[in-house]
Amino acid sequence: MTTQNPPCRVLVIDSCPETQAGIVRLVHGRGIAVTAVPDPITAVTAIDQVAPDVIITDLFLPAGAGLALTKEIGSRRELCPVIVMASDAPESVIVQALRAGAVDYLHKPIVEEELAHALYRARHMLPGDLADLSGVRRSECRLAIDSDPAHIPGILSWLMKTTASTLPDTQRLHLRGALQELLINAVEHGNLEIAYREKQQALAKGEYELLLEERLAQPRIRSRQVIVHVLYEREAKRVGYRITDEGAGFPWRGLLNQSEEAISTEGGSGRGIFLTRSLFPNLTYNDRGNEATITVPLG
């Protein structure tokens, strides 16, 4: 007696009945069960009921809800790949969707071969978490990322999906916040050499994007990278994150021991470090101050 694999559950979100029927027809006989809904409100309920393996959503749902829905799906079902589709989406909108968590883009009308390839890629993504890999005692990964803050959300989402999905909700939320602070500090304050007050003044004047463009236009700064190193150790029941920038570093010892009252007196400078240390007391820096490390216990 042979055991058949359960069908791949695909949720299609599109207001066009023809598109819904077309996708059902294109995947027929491929071991895929399709549930189709017309709008984001129905989709939220269907996501909880169907527990889809892959979601395909129109990028231009009514009132521009497609992009917002892509972001919401990422927060509700972090391990569920999202494929977006549209007739004539500008490249900038596609990039926004990918940064929001989408893993692929399909042009309408949907072509069978392209749909098959997109579903294959989505179904064969890396396992959701290093801890899910049976038999792995120790694993390392190293990312070298550009010094553009726009890349941080995508990097953060990938890290959470592949290294922290098995953590309890509260612990995962704390880790996301800490990694976000450390990545922003490494990119903005480290590599781009943007001081805290300088950033606040630029934000107040609506000139933050101009400040980023000015820094990234300098060859000396543009070539810098941030290195993210993740070390998973099953026997030690921990995963460590080390984030290193190529900046000059900073006098971290004084900031690491500051109280919240002192930070408020200084106008907020050092608040990110204070919050990260509050959540992860094992936060450490190298002597230079351009490398931060936190360790997360597992189970």
C-alpha atoms as a PDB file:
ATOM      1  CA  MET A   1       0.000   0.000   0.000  1.00  0.00           C
ATOM      2  CA  THR A   2       1.437   3.398  -1.003  1.00  0.00           C
ATOM      3  CA  THR A   3       0.963   6.555   1.027  1.00  0.00           C
ATOM      4  CA  GLN A   4       0.128   9.644  -0.990  1.00  0.00           C
ATOM      5  CA  ASN A   5       1.474  13.018   0.039  1.00  0.00           C
ATOM      6  CA  PRO A   6      -1.232  15.483   1.106  1.00  0.00           C
ATOM      7  CA  PRO A   7      -2.076  18.059  -1.562  1.00  0.00           C
ATOM      8  CA  CYS A   8      -0.416  21.449  -1.493  1.00  0.00           C
ATOM      9  CA  ARG A   9      -2.981  23.955  -0.235  1.00  0.00           C
ATOM     10  CA  VAL A  10      -3.013  27.146  -2.328  1.00  0.00           C
ATOM     11  CA  LEU A  11      -5.125  30.164  -1.435  1.00  0.00           C
ATOM     12  CA  VAL A  12      -5.897  32.498  -4.364  1.00  0.00           C
ATOM     13  CA  ILE A  13      -7.036  36.054  -3.562  1.00  0.00           C
ATOM     14  CA  ASP A  14      -8.465  37.808  -6.605  1.00  0.00           C
ATOM     15  CA  SER A  15     -11.741  39.602  -7.346  1.00  0.00           C
ATOM     16  CA  CYS A  16     -11.841  38.276 -10.912  1.00  0.00           C
ATOM     17  CA  PRO A  17     -13.727  34.936 -11.247  1.00  0.00           C
ATOM     18  CA  GLU A  18     -11.975  34.256 -14.566  1.00  0.00           C
ATOM     19  CA  THR A  19      -8.545  34.515 -12.920  1.00  0.00           C
ATOM     20  CA  GLN A  20      -9.633  32.235 -10.086  1.00  0.00           C
ATOM     21  CA  ALA A  21     -10.965  29.625 -12.509  1.00  0.00           C
ATOM     22  CA  GLY A  22      -7.903  29.948 -14.719  1.00  0.00           C
ATOM     23  CA  ILE A  23      -5.520  29.138 -11.879  1.00  0.00           C
ATOM     24  CA  VAL A  24      -7.650  26.156 -10.840  1.00  0.00           C
ATOM     25  CA  ARG A  25      -7.519  24.880 -14.415  1.00  0.00           C
ATOM     26  CA  LEU A  26      -3.750  25.412 -14.773  1.00  0.00           C
ATOM     27  CA  VAL A  27      -2.866  23.456 -11.620  1.00  0.00           C
ATOM     28  CA  HIS A  28      -5.302  20.601 -12.227  1.00  0.00           C
ATOM     29  CA  GLY A  29      -3.626  17.227 -11.773  1.00  0.00           C
ATOM     30  CA  ARG A  30      -0.554  18.660 -10.019  1.00  0.00           C
ATOM     31  CA  GLY A  31      -1.475  17.600  -6.479  1.00  0.00           C
ATOM     32  CA  ILE A  32      -2.677  21.084  -5.566  1.00  0.00           C
ATOM     33  CA  ALA A  33      -5.902  22.013  -3.753  1.00  0.00           C
ATOM     34  CA  VAL A  34      -7.046  25.564  -4.532  1.00  0.00           C
ATOM     35  CA  THR A  35      -9.272  27.767  -2.398  1.00  0.00           C
ATOM     36  CA  ALA A  36     -10.245  31.069  -4.038  1.00  0.00           C
ATOM     37  CA  VAL A  37     -11.595  34.194  -2.317  1.00  0.00           C
ATOM     38  CA  PRO A  38     -12.436  37.618  -3.783  1.00  0.00           C
ATOM     39  CA  ASP A  39     -11.204  40.140  -1.203  1.00  0.00           C
ATOM     40  CA  PRO A  40      -8.820  40.746   1.734  1.00  0.00           C
ATOM     41  CA  ILE A  41     -11.538  40.479   4.401  1.00  0.00           C
ATOM     42  CA  THR A  42     -12.547  37.007   3.257  1.00  0.00           C
ATOM     43  CA  ALA A  43      -8.874  36.128   2.823  1.00  0.00           C
ATOM     44  CA  VAL A  44      -8.023  36.788   6.479  1.00  0.00           C
ATOM     45  CA  THR A  45     -10.668  34.268   7.573  1.00  0.00           C
ATOM     46  CA  ALA A  46      -9.632  31.773   4.902  1.00  0.00           C
ATOM     47  CA  ILE A  47      -5.978  31.948   5.953  1.00  0.00           C
ATOM     48  CA  ASP A  48      -6.910  30.773   9.450  1.00  0.00           C
ATOM     49  CA  GLN A  49      -9.310  28.096   8.196  1.00  0.00           C
ATOM     50  CA  VAL A  50      -7.341  26.704   5.246  1.00  0.00           C
ATOM     51  CA  ALA A  51      -3.802  27.100   6.660  1.00  0.00           C
ATOM     52  CA  PRO A  52      -2.436  27.430   3.096  1.00  0.00           C
ATOM     53  CA  ASP A  53       1.009  26.282   2.052  1.00  0.00           C
ATOM     54  CA  VAL A  54       1.217  29.006  -0.622  1.00  0.00           C
ATOM     55  CA  ILE A  55      -0.788  32.202  -1.153  1.00  0.00           C
ATOM     56  CA  ILE A  56      -1.276  33.871  -4.547  1.00  0.00           C
ATOM     57  CA  THR A  57      -2.754  37.369  -4.338  1.00  0.00           C
ATOM     58  CA  ASP A  58      -3.570  40.103  -6.798  1.00  0.00           C
ATOM     59  CA  LEU A  59      -1.354  43.105  -6.139  1.00  0.00           C
ATOM     60  CA  PHE A  60      -4.059  45.601  -7.052  1.00  0.00           C
ATOM     61  CA  LEU A  61      -7.005  44.537  -4.975  1.00  0.00           C
ATOM     62  CA  PRO A  62      -9.684  47.240  -4.411  1.00  0.00           C
ATOM     63  CA  ALA A  63      -8.413  50.355  -2.595  1.00  0.00           C
ATOM     64  CA  GLY A  64      -4.800  49.252  -3.106  1.00  0.00           C
ATOM     65  CA  ALA A  65      -5.180  46.527  -0.490  1.00  0.00           C
ATOM     66  CA  GLY A  66      -2.880  44.013  -2.196  1.00  0.00           C
ATOM     67  CA  LEU A  67       0.370  45.387  -0.800  1.00  0.00           C
ATOM     68  CA  ALA A  68      -1.111  45.866   2.671  1.00  0.00           C
ATOM     69  CA  LEU A  69      -2.433  42.303   2.604  1.00  0.00           C
ATOM     70  CA  THR A  70       1.007  40.979   1.636  1.00  0.00           C
ATOM     71  CA  LYS A  71       2.454  42.657   4.723  1.00  0.00           C
ATOM     72  CA  GLU A  72      -0.337  41.326   6.952  1.00  0.00           C
ATOM     73  CA  ILE A  73       0.137  37.783   5.666  1.00  0.00           C
ATOM     74  CA  GLY A  74       3.808  38.046   6.583  1.00  0.00           C
ATOM     75  CA  SER A  75       2.880  38.849  10.175  1.00  0.00           C
ATOM     76  CA  ARG A  76       0.098  36.217  10.446  1.00  0.00           C
ATOM     77  CA  ARG A  77       1.819  33.304   8.662  1.00  0.00           C
ATOM     78  CA  GLU A  78       5.534  34.056   8.448  1.00  0.00           C
ATOM     79  CA  LEU A  79       6.378  30.678   6.912  1.00  0.00           C
ATOM     80  CA  CYS A  80       3.773  30.843   4.135  1.00  0.00           C
ATOM     81  CA  PRO A  81       5.256  32.007   0.802  1.00  0.00           C
ATOM     82  CA  VAL A  82       3.283  34.738  -0.952  1.00  0.00           C
ATOM     83  CA  ILE A  83       3.225  35.121  -4.743  1.00  0.00           C
ATOM     84  CA  VAL A  84       1.836  38.420  -6.065  1.00  0.00           C
ATOM     85  CA  MET A  85       0.323  38.917  -9.514  1.00  0.00           C
ATOM     86  CA  ALA A  86      -0.773  41.898 -11.609  1.00  0.00           C
ATOM     87  CA  SER A  87      -1.388  42.929 -15.200  1.00  0.00           C
ATOM     88  CA  ASP A  88       0.968  45.893 -15.552  1.00  0.00           C
ATOM     89  CA  ALA A  89       2.624  46.629 -12.227  1.00  0.00           C
ATOM     90  CA  PRO A  90       5.397  49.255 -12.192  1.00  0.00           C
ATOM     91  CA  GLU A  91       8.772  47.871 -11.174  1.00  0.00           C
ATOM     92  CA  SER A  92       8.751  50.077  -8.060  1.00  0.00           C
ATOM     93  CA  VAL A  93       5.494  48.472  -6.871  1.00  0.00           C
ATOM     94  CA  ILE A  94       6.841  44.965  -7.485  1.00  0.00           C
ATOM     95  CA  VAL A  95       9.947  45.826  -5.470  1.00  0.00           C
ATOM     96  CA  GLN A  96       7.727  47.092  -2.625  1.00  0.00           C
ATOM     97  CA  ALA A  97       5.815  43.815  -2.643  1.00  0.00           C
ATOM     98  CA  LEU A  98       9.001  41.756  -2.550  1.00  0.00           C
ATOM     99  CA  ARG A  99      10.352  43.854   0.304  1.00  0.00           C
ATOM    100  CA  ALA A 100       7.023  43.378   2.096  1.00  0.00           C
ATOM    101  CA  GLY A 101       7.557  39.616   2.029  1.00  0.00           C
ATOM    102  CA  ALA A 102       6.417  38.312  -1.375  1.00  0.00           C
ATOM    103  CA  VAL A 103       8.667  35.603  -2.825  1.00  0.00           C
ATOM    104  CA  ASP A 104       7.690  35.871  -6.506  1.00  0.00           C
ATOM    105  CA  TYR A 105       5.728  37.896  -9.076  1.00  0.00           C
ATOM    106  CA  LEU A 106       3.463  36.684 -11.891  1.00  0.00           C
ATOM    107  CA  HIS A 107       2.298  38.767 -14.839  1.00  0.00           C
ATOM    108  CA  LYS A 108      -1.362  38.514 -15.836  1.00  0.00           C
ATOM    109  CA  PRO A 109      -2.742  36.755 -17.767  1.00  0.00           C
ATOM    110  CA  ILE A 110      -1.153  33.827 -15.946  1.00  0.00           C
ATOM    111  CA  VAL A 111       0.860  31.432 -18.100  1.00  0.00           C
ATOM    112  CA  GLU A 112       0.879  27.757 -17.071  1.00  0.00           C
ATOM    113  CA  GLU A 113       4.657  27.313 -17.228  1.00  0.00           C
ATOM    114  CA  GLU A 114       5.366  30.469 -15.216  1.00  0.00           C
ATOM    115  CA  LEU A 115       2.776  29.512 -12.598  1.00  0.00           C
ATOM    116  CA  ALA A 116       4.232  26.006 -12.308  1.00  0.00           C
ATOM    117  CA  HIS A 117       7.754  27.382 -11.825  1.00  0.00           C
ATOM    118  CA  ALA A 118       6.596  29.943  -9.249  1.00  0.00           C
ATOM    119  CA  LEU A 119       4.733  27.291  -7.239  1.00  0.00           C
ATOM    120  CA  TYR A 120       7.717  24.953  -7.408  1.00  0.00           C
ATOM    121  CA  ARG A 121      10.063  27.630  -6.084  1.00  0.00           C
ATOM    122  CA  ALA A 122       7.611  28.572  -3.326  1.00  0.00           C
ATOM    123  CA  ARG A 123       7.080  24.936  -2.256  1.00  0.00           C
ATOM    124  CA  HIS A 124      10.795  24.166  -2.198  1.00  0.00           C
ATOM    125  CA  MET A 125      11.986  27.115  -0.192  1.00  0.00           C
ATOM    126  CA  LEU A 126      14.424  26.537   2.661  1.00  0.00           C
ATOM    127  CA  PRO A 127      12.874  24.959   5.778  1.00  0.00           C
ATOM    128  CA  GLY A 128      11.229  27.489   8.011  1.00  0.00           C
ATOM    129  CA  ASP A 129      13.814  27.268  10.766  1.00  0.00           C
ATOM    130  CA  LEU A 130      17.254  25.790  11.327  1.00  0.00           C
ATOM    131  CA  ALA A 131      15.813  23.964  14.325  1.00  0.00           C
ATOM    132  CA  ASP A 132      13.457  22.105  11.967  1.00  0.00           C
ATOM    133  CA  LEU A 133      16.334  20.413  10.133  1.00  0.00           C
ATOM    134  CA  SER A 134      16.523  16.882  11.500  1.00  0.00           C
ATOM    135  CA  GLY A 135      20.016  15.683  12.411  1.00  0.00           C
ATOM    136  CA  VAL A 136      21.712  19.076  12.254  1.00  0.00           C
ATOM    137  CA  ARG A 137      23.803  19.727  15.374  1.00  0.00           C
ATOM    138  CA  ARG A 138      25.416  22.990  14.319  1.00  0.00           C
ATOM    139  CA  SER A 139      24.771  25.371  11.462  1.00  0.00           C
ATOM    140  CA  GLU A 140      26.143  28.746  10.390  1.00  0.00           C
ATOM    141  CA  CYS A 141      25.065  31.296   7.822  1.00  0.00           C
ATOM    142  CA  ARG A 142      26.663  34.574   6.815  1.00  0.00           C
ATOM    143  CA  LEU A 143      24.987  37.446   4.984  1.00  0.00           C
ATOM    144  CA  ALA A 144      26.816  40.444   3.508  1.00  0.00           C
ATOM    145  CA  ILE A 145      24.311  43.252   2.936  1.00  0.00           C
ATOM    146  CA  ASP A 146      24.573  46.686   1.359  1.00  0.00           C
ATOM    147  CA  SER A 147      24.467  49.867   3.427  1.00  0.00           C
ATOM    148  CA  ASP A 148      20.957  50.918   2.421  1.00  0.00           C
ATOM    149  CA  PRO A 149      18.287  50.976   5.165  1.00  0.00           C
ATOM    150  CA  ALA A 150      15.674  49.974   2.557  1.00  0.00           C
ATOM    151  CA  HIS A 151      17.088  46.429   2.598  1.00  0.00           C
ATOM    152  CA  ILE A 152      16.609  45.941   6.349  1.00  0.00           C
ATOM    153  CA  PRO A 153      12.915  44.835   6.367  1.00  0.00           C
ATOM    154  CA  GLY A 154      13.568  42.062   3.842  1.00  0.00           C
ATOM    155  CA  ILE A 155      16.708  40.864   5.627  1.00  0.00           C
ATOM    156  CA  LEU A 156      14.880  40.914   8.946  1.00  0.00           C
ATOM    157  CA  SER A 157      11.953  38.896   7.585  1.00  0.00           C
ATOM    158  CA  TRP A 158      14.308  36.287   6.136  1.00  0.00           C
ATOM    159  CA  LEU A 159      16.211  35.961   9.416  1.00  0.00           C
ATOM    160  CA  MET A 160      13.007  35.516  11.395  1.00  0.00           C
ATOM    161  CA  LYS A 161      11.656  32.904   8.981  1.00  0.00           C
ATOM    162  CA  THR A 162      14.811  30.811   8.757  1.00  0.00           C
ATOM    163  CA  THR A 163      16.267  31.096  12.255  1.00  0.00           C
ATOM    164  CA  ALA A 164      13.516  32.004  14.724  1.00  0.00           C
ATOM    165  CA  SER A 165      10.134  30.654  13.626  1.00  0.00           C
ATOM    166  CA  THR A 166      10.076  28.012  16.392  1.00  0.00           C
ATOM    167  CA  LEU A 167      10.476  30.572  19.165  1.00  0.00           C
ATOM    168  CA  PRO A 168       7.452  31.512  21.305  1.00  0.00           C
ATOM    169  CA  ASP A 169       5.564  34.555  19.990  1.00  0.00           C
ATOM    170  CA  THR A 170       6.791  36.945  22.677  1.00  0.00           C
ATOM    171  CA  GLN A 171      10.409  35.874  22.355  1.00  0.00           C
ATOM    172  CA  ARG A 172      10.222  36.132  18.550  1.00  0.00           C
ATOM    173  CA  LEU A 173       8.767  39.631  18.858  1.00  0.00           C
ATOM    174  CA  HIS A 174      11.588  40.669  21.173  1.00  0.00           C
ATOM    175  CA  LEU A 175      14.198  39.204  18.846  1.00  0.00           C
ATOM    176  CA  ARG A 176      12.737  41.006  15.831  1.00  0.00           C
ATOM    177  CA  GLY A 177      12.887  44.308  17.692  1.00  0.00           C
ATOM    178  CA  ALA A 178      16.459  43.743  18.861  1.00  0.00           C
ATOM    179  CA  LEU A 179      17.752  42.690  15.438  1.00  0.00           C
ATOM    180  CA  GLN A 180      16.022  45.655  13.850  1.00  0.00           C
ATOM    181  CA  GLU A 181      17.745  48.059  16.227  1.00  0.00           C
ATOM    182  CA  LEU A 182      21.142  46.438  15.702  1.00  0.00           C
ATOM    183  CA  LEU A 183      20.789  46.415  11.907  1.00  0.00           C
ATOM    184  CA  ILE A 184      19.669  50.038  11.786  1.00  0.00           C
ATOM    185  CA  ASN A 185      22.549  51.084  14.028  1.00  0.00           C
ATOM    186  CA  ALA A 186      25.043  49.145  11.904  1.00  0.00           C
ATOM    187  CA  VAL A 187      23.793  50.651   8.634  1.00  0.00           C
ATOM    188  CA  GLU A 188      22.928  54.205   9.631  1.00  0.00           C
ATOM    189  CA  HIS A 189      25.272  55.055  12.472  1.00  0.00           C
ATOM    190  CA  GLY A 190      28.075  52.661  11.544  1.00  0.00           C
ATOM    191  CA  ASN A 191      28.526  52.505   7.789  1.00  0.00           C
ATOM    192  CA  LEU A 192      26.692  55.694   6.766  1.00  0.00           C
ATOM    193  CA  GLU A 193      28.146  57.703   9.688  1.00  0.00           C
ATOM    194  CA  ILE A 194      24.812  59.358  10.455  1.00  0.00           C
ATOM    195  CA  ALA A 195      24.781  60.712  13.998  1.00  0.00           C
ATOM    196  CA  TYR A 196      21.614  60.459  16.099  1.00  0.00           C
ATOM    197  CA  ARG A 197      20.948  64.219  16.175  1.00  0.00           C
ATOM    198  CA  GLU A 198      21.729  64.477  12.472  1.00  0.00           C
ATOM    199  CA  LYS A 199      19.090  61.866  11.705  1.00  0.00           C
ATOM    200  CA  GLN A 200      16.498  63.527  13.934  1.00  0.00           C
ATOM    201  CA  GLN A 201      17.058  66.917  12.308  1.00  0.00           C
ATOM    202  CA  ALA A 202      16.769  65.402   8.821  1.00  0.00           C
ATOM    203  CA  LEU A 203      13.535  63.624   9.763  1.00  0.00           C
ATOM    204  CA  ALA A 204      12.082  66.831  11.221  1.00  0.00           C
ATOM    205  CA  LYS A 205      12.815  68.686   7.963  1.00  0.00           C
ATOM    206  CA  GLY A 206      11.623  65.870   5.735  1.00  0.00           C
ATOM    207  CA  GLU A 207      15.155  65.500   4.370  1.00  0.00           C
ATOM    208  CA  TYR A 208      16.061  62.026   5.584  1.00  0.00           C
ATOM    209  CA  GLU A 209      15.954  60.466   2.094  1.00  0.00           C
ATOM    210  CA  LEU A 210      18.214  63.249   0.815  1.00  0.00           C
ATOM    211  CA  LEU A 211      20.639  62.529   3.657  1.00  0.00           C
ATOM    212  CA  LEU A 212      20.730  58.855   2.708  1.00  0.00           C
ATOM    213  CA  GLU A 213      21.300  59.671  -0.965  1.00  0.00           C
ATOM    214  CA  GLU A 214      24.154  62.011  -0.058  1.00  0.00           C
ATOM    215  CA  ARG A 215      25.910  59.385   2.040  1.00  0.00           C
ATOM    216  CA  LEU A 216      25.365  56.542  -0.425  1.00  0.00           C
ATOM    217  CA  ALA A 217      26.735  58.735  -3.231  1.00  0.00           C
ATOM    218  CA  GLN A 218      30.154  58.720  -1.551  1.00  0.00           C
ATOM    219  CA  PRO A 219      32.267  55.819  -2.935  1.00  0.00           C
ATOM    220  CA  ARG A 220      34.051  55.410   0.404  1.00  0.00           C
ATOM    221  CA  ILE A 221      30.756  54.775   2.149  1.00  0.00           C
ATOM    222  CA  ARG A 222      28.766  53.109  -0.645  1.00  0.00           C
ATOM    223  CA  SER A 223      31.180  50.159  -0.803  1.00  0.00           C
ATOM    224  CA  ARG A 224      30.750  49.292   2.875  1.00  0.00           C
ATOM    225  CA  GLN A 225      28.829  46.209   3.947  1.00  0.00           C
ATOM    226  CA  VAL A 226      27.165  44.879   7.074  1.00  0.00           C
ATOM    227  CA  ILE A 227      27.935  41.250   7.904  1.00  0.00           C
ATOM    228  CA  VAL A 228      25.244  39.222   9.664  1.00  0.00           C
ATOM    229  CA  HIS A 229      26.521  35.946  11.111  1.00  0.00           C
ATOM    230  CA  VAL A 230      24.107  33.416  12.615  1.00  0.00           C
ATOM    231  CA  LEU A 231      25.295  30.391  14.597  1.00  0.00           C
ATOM    232  CA  TYR A 232      22.817  27.660  15.568  1.00  0.00           C
ATOM    233  CA  GLU A 233      23.960  25.059  18.141  1.00  0.00           C
ATOM    234  CA  ARG A 234      21.487  22.295  18.903  1.00  0.00           C
ATOM    235  CA  GLU A 235      23.290  20.751  21.899  1.00  0.00           C
ATOM    236  CA  ALA A 236      23.842  24.128  23.540  1.00  0.00           C
ATOM    237  CA  LYS A 237      20.201  25.004  22.744  1.00  0.00           C
ATOM    238  CA  ARG A 238      21.007  28.471  21.479  1.00  0.00           C
ATOM    239  CA  VAL A 239      21.293  30.614  18.388  1.00  0.00           C
ATOM    240  CA  GLY A 240      23.644  33.572  18.241  1.00  0.00           C
ATOM    241  CA  TYR A 241      23.485  36.654  16.031  1.00  0.00           C
ATOM    242  CA  ARG A 242      26.571  38.754  15.322  1.00  0.00           C
ATOM    243  CA  ILE A 243      26.207  41.989  13.321  1.00  0.00           C
ATOM    244  CA  THR A 244      29.358  43.747  12.133  1.00  0.00           C
ATOM    245  CA  ASP A 245      29.649  47.032  10.244  1.00  0.00           C
ATOM    246  CA  GLU A 246      32.640  48.739   8.649  1.00  0.00           C
ATOM    247  CA  GLY A 247      32.298  52.023  10.485  1.00  0.00           C
ATOM    248  CA  ALA A 248      34.651  53.548  13.030  1.00  0.00           C
ATOM    249  CA  GLY A 249      32.752  52.095  15.973  1.00  0.00           C
ATOM    250  CA  PHE A 250      31.495  54.026  18.984  1.00  0.00           C
ATOM    251  CA  PRO A 251      32.122  54.301  22.754  1.00  0.00           C
ATOM    252  CA  TRP A 252      29.605  51.611  23.653  1.00  0.00           C
ATOM    253  CA  ARG A 253      30.651  51.100  27.288  1.00  0.00           C
ATOM    254  CA  GLY A 254      29.057  54.302  28.502  1.00  0.00           C
ATOM    255  CA  LEU A 255      25.876  53.814  26.481  1.00  0.00           C
ATOM    256  CA  LEU A 256      25.492  50.161  27.438  1.00  0.00           C
ATOM    257  CA  ASN A 257      25.234  51.082  31.099  1.00  0.00           C
ATOM    258  CA  GLN A 258      23.034  54.158  30.727  1.00  0.00           C
ATOM    259  CA  SER A 259      19.733  54.347  32.548  1.00  0.00           C
ATOM    260  CA  GLU A 260      16.501  55.281  30.806  1.00  0.00           C
ATOM    261  CA  GLU A 261      16.532  58.586  32.701  1.00  0.00           C
ATOM    262  CA  ALA A 262      19.999  59.414  31.364  1.00  0.00           C
ATOM    263  CA  ILE A 263      18.918  58.535  27.812  1.00  0.00           C
ATOM    264  CA  SER A 264      15.919  60.867  28.105  1.00  0.00           C
ATOM    265  CA  THR A 265      18.248  63.638  29.287  1.00  0.00           C
ATOM    266  CA  GLU A 266      20.444  63.080  26.227  1.00  0.00           C
ATOM    267  CA  GLY A 267      17.469  63.493  23.898  1.00  0.00           C
ATOM    268  CA  GLY A 268      16.990  59.788  23.127  1.00  0.00           C
ATOM    269  CA  SER A 269      20.502  58.916  21.977  1.00  0.00           C
ATOM    270  CA  GLY A 270      21.292  55.320  22.931  1.00  0.00           C
ATOM    271  CA  ARG A 271      17.652  54.272  23.306  1.00  0.00           C
ATOM    272  CA  GLY A 272      18.038  51.453  20.771  1.00  0.00           C
ATOM    273  CA  ILE A 273      20.942  49.968  22.731  1.00  0.00           C
ATOM    274  CA  PHE A 274      19.021  50.378  25.990  1.00  0.00           C
ATOM    275  CA  LEU A 275      15.979  48.542  24.607  1.00  0.00           C
ATOM    276  CA  THR A 276      18.077  45.751  23.100  1.00  0.00           C
ATOM    277  CA  ARG A 277      19.999  45.235  26.322  1.00  0.00           C
ATOM    278  CA  SER A 278      16.706  45.205  28.262  1.00  0.00           C
ATOM    279  CA  LEU A 279      15.438  42.359  26.099  1.00  0.00           C
ATOM    280  CA  PHE A 280      18.801  40.561  25.787  1.00  0.00           C
ATOM    281  CA  PRO A 281      21.098  41.237  28.772  1.00  0.00           C
ATOM    282  CA  ASN A 282      23.800  39.141  27.032  1.00  0.00           C
ATOM    283  CA  LEU A 283      24.278  41.908  24.425  1.00  0.00           C
ATOM    284  CA  THR A 284      28.031  42.427  23.908  1.00  0.00           C
ATOM    285  CA  TYR A 285      30.256  44.549  21.679  1.00  0.00           C
ATOM    286  CA  ASN A 286      33.820  44.152  20.503  1.00  0.00           C
ATOM    287  CA  ASP A 287      36.380  46.669  21.720  1.00  0.00           C
ATOM    288  CA  ARG A 288      36.053  48.859  18.636  1.00  0.00           C
ATOM    289  CA  GLY A 289      32.283  49.033  18.950  1.00  0.00           C
ATOM    290  CA  ASN A 290      31.413  48.025  15.400  1.00  0.00           C
ATOM    291  CA  GLU A 291      30.277  44.478  16.203  1.00  0.00           C
ATOM    292  CA  ALA A 292      27.291  43.511  18.343  1.00  0.00           C
ATOM    293  CA  THR A 293      26.339  40.003  19.489  1.00  0.00           C
ATOM    294  CA  ILE A 294      23.213  38.622  21.130  1.00  0.00           C
ATOM    295  CA  THR A 295      22.401  35.012  22.032  1.00  0.00           C
ATOM    296  CA  VAL A 296      18.912  33.517  22.158  1.00  0.00           C
ATOM    297  CA  PRO A 297      18.229  30.391  24.234  1.00  0.00           C
ATOM    298  CA  LEU A 298      16.162  27.669  22.548  1.00  0.00           C
ATOM    299  CA  GLY A 299      13.751  25.658  24.621  1.00  0.00           C
END
